[in-house]
Amino acid sequence: MLREALDDRNNLFLNQTLDTTRTGLALAERYALGGRDALILACFLAPSISYLQTFDKALLMLERVVYGRRILKIRSP
């Protein structure tokens, strides 16, 4: 299963940087998120990705996240 996820070209792997961590902390505070969800969103906001597909109900309830001029839309697959 993990091998399939790594080989699937539809999956995107991003690195966490100091800036990403700071963004995650800000998102956690602003949207009352746990650390893991906040860092996931921060990783997607950093390179200005337009949307995130997830099954996570807490993230889906947000519908979108705004950080500065960056907007991340959240939707189910």
C-alpha atoms as a PDB file:
ATOM      1  CA  MET A   1       0.000   0.000   0.000  1.00  0.00           C
ATOM      2  CA  LEU A   2       2.733   2.474   0.903  1.00  0.00           C
ATOM      3  CA  ARG A   3       4.718   1.550  -2.212  1.00  0.00           C
ATOM      4  CA  GLU A   4       1.625   2.266  -4.329  1.00  0.00           C
ATOM      5  CA  ALA A   5       1.230   5.683  -2.693  1.00  0.00           C
ATOM      6  CA  LEU A   6       4.874   6.509  -3.416  1.00  0.00           C
ATOM      7  CA  ASP A   7       4.555   5.437  -7.049  1.00  0.00           C
ATOM      8  CA  ASP A   8       1.251   7.247  -7.673  1.00  0.00           C
ATOM      9  CA  ARG A   9       1.992  10.418  -9.662  1.00  0.00           C
ATOM     10  CA  ASN A  10      -1.160  12.038  -8.242  1.00  0.00           C
ATOM     11  CA  ASN A  11       0.453  12.233  -4.786  1.00  0.00           C
ATOM     12  CA  LEU A  12       2.533  15.270  -3.945  1.00  0.00           C
ATOM     13  CA  PHE A  13       5.349  15.150  -1.384  1.00  0.00           C
ATOM     14  CA  LEU A  14       6.419  18.426   0.204  1.00  0.00           C
ATOM     15  CA  ASN A  15       9.167  19.371   2.647  1.00  0.00           C
ATOM     16  CA  GLN A  16       8.585  21.094   5.948  1.00  0.00           C
ATOM     17  CA  THR A  17      10.697  24.207   6.468  1.00  0.00           C
ATOM     18  CA  LEU A  18      10.992  26.720   9.284  1.00  0.00           C
ATOM     19  CA  ASP A  19       8.627  29.038   7.385  1.00  0.00           C
ATOM     20  CA  THR A  20       6.158  26.179   6.957  1.00  0.00           C
ATOM     21  CA  THR A  21       6.323  25.453  10.685  1.00  0.00           C
ATOM     22  CA  ARG A  22       5.634  29.101  11.537  1.00  0.00           C
ATOM     23  CA  THR A  23       2.727  29.151   9.104  1.00  0.00           C
ATOM     24  CA  GLY A  24       1.395  25.969  10.692  1.00  0.00           C
ATOM     25  CA  LEU A  25       1.509  27.508  14.146  1.00  0.00           C
ATOM     26  CA  ALA A  26      -0.401  30.553  12.905  1.00  0.00           C
ATOM     27  CA  LEU A  27      -3.010  28.348  11.219  1.00  0.00           C
ATOM     28  CA  ALA A  28      -3.402  26.210  14.333  1.00  0.00           C
ATOM     29  CA  GLU A  29      -4.198  29.311  16.348  1.00  0.00           C
ATOM     30  CA  ARG A  30      -6.436  30.979  13.755  1.00  0.00           C
ATOM     31  CA  TYR A  31      -8.494  27.892  12.864  1.00  0.00           C
ATOM     32  CA  ALA A  32      -8.260  26.011  16.195  1.00  0.00           C
ATOM     33  CA  LEU A  33      -6.480  23.063  14.547  1.00  0.00           C
ATOM     34  CA  GLY A  34      -4.269  20.353  15.937  1.00  0.00           C
ATOM     35  CA  GLY A  35      -0.591  20.435  15.035  1.00  0.00           C
ATOM     36  CA  ARG A  36      -0.710  17.719  12.387  1.00  0.00           C
ATOM     37  CA  ASP A  37      -3.634  19.252  10.466  1.00  0.00           C
ATOM     38  CA  ALA A  38      -2.094  22.721  10.710  1.00  0.00           C
ATOM     39  CA  LEU A  39       1.240  21.514   9.310  1.00  0.00           C
ATOM     40  CA  ILE A  40      -0.470  19.664   6.474  1.00  0.00           C
ATOM     41  CA  LEU A  41      -2.275  22.844   5.465  1.00  0.00           C
ATOM     42  CA  ALA A  42       0.888  24.919   5.843  1.00  0.00           C
ATOM     43  CA  CYS A  43       2.795  22.556   3.548  1.00  0.00           C
ATOM     44  CA  PHE A  44       0.181  23.031   0.862  1.00  0.00           C
ATOM     45  CA  LEU A  45       0.020  26.809   1.304  1.00  0.00           C
ATOM     46  CA  ALA A  46       3.774  27.303   1.032  1.00  0.00           C
ATOM     47  CA  PRO A  47       4.074  26.570  -2.720  1.00  0.00           C
ATOM     48  CA  SER A  48       0.651  28.142  -3.401  1.00  0.00           C
ATOM     49  CA  ILE A  49      -1.168  24.942  -4.299  1.00  0.00           C
ATOM     50  CA  SER A  50      -4.784  25.802  -5.075  1.00  0.00           C
ATOM     51  CA  TYR A  51      -6.619  22.883  -3.465  1.00  0.00           C
ATOM     52  CA  LEU A  52      -6.259  19.931  -1.111  1.00  0.00           C
ATOM     53  CA  GLN A  53      -8.271  16.724  -1.461  1.00  0.00           C
ATOM     54  CA  THR A  54      -8.875  14.904   1.794  1.00  0.00           C
ATOM     55  CA  PHE A  55     -11.231  12.596   3.665  1.00  0.00           C
ATOM     56  CA  ASP A  56     -10.481  14.419   6.949  1.00  0.00           C
ATOM     57  CA  LYS A  57     -13.848  15.718   8.174  1.00  0.00           C
ATOM     58  CA  ALA A  58     -12.338  18.458  10.334  1.00  0.00           C
ATOM     59  CA  LEU A  59     -10.438  19.884   7.364  1.00  0.00           C
ATOM     60  CA  LEU A  60     -13.407  19.505   5.015  1.00  0.00           C
ATOM     61  CA  MET A  61     -15.513  21.608   7.387  1.00  0.00           C
ATOM     62  CA  LEU A  62     -13.122  24.523   6.852  1.00  0.00           C
ATOM     63  CA  GLU A  63     -13.759  24.517   3.072  1.00  0.00           C
ATOM     64  CA  ARG A  64     -10.854  26.937   2.583  1.00  0.00           C
ATOM     65  CA  VAL A  65      -7.930  28.399   4.469  1.00  0.00           C
ATOM     66  CA  VAL A  66      -6.546  31.885   3.957  1.00  0.00           C
ATOM     67  CA  TYR A  67      -3.050  32.915   4.979  1.00  0.00           C
ATOM     68  CA  GLY A  68      -1.892  36.284   3.749  1.00  0.00           C
ATOM     69  CA  ARG A  69      -2.635  36.368   0.026  1.00  0.00           C
ATOM     70  CA  ARG A  70      -2.645  32.594  -0.268  1.00  0.00           C
ATOM     71  CA  ILE A  71      -5.893  30.608  -0.397  1.00  0.00           C
ATOM     72  CA  LEU A  72      -6.184  26.842  -0.146  1.00  0.00           C
ATOM     73  CA  LYS A  73      -9.528  25.270  -1.031  1.00  0.00           C
ATOM     74  CA  ILE A  74     -10.310  21.989   0.700  1.00  0.00           C
ATOM     75  CA  ARG A  75     -12.531  19.360  -0.899  1.00  0.00           C
ATOM     76  CA  SER A  76     -13.241  15.669  -0.837  1.00  0.00           C
ATOM     77  CA  PRO A  77     -12.013  13.394  -3.639  1.00  0.00           C
END
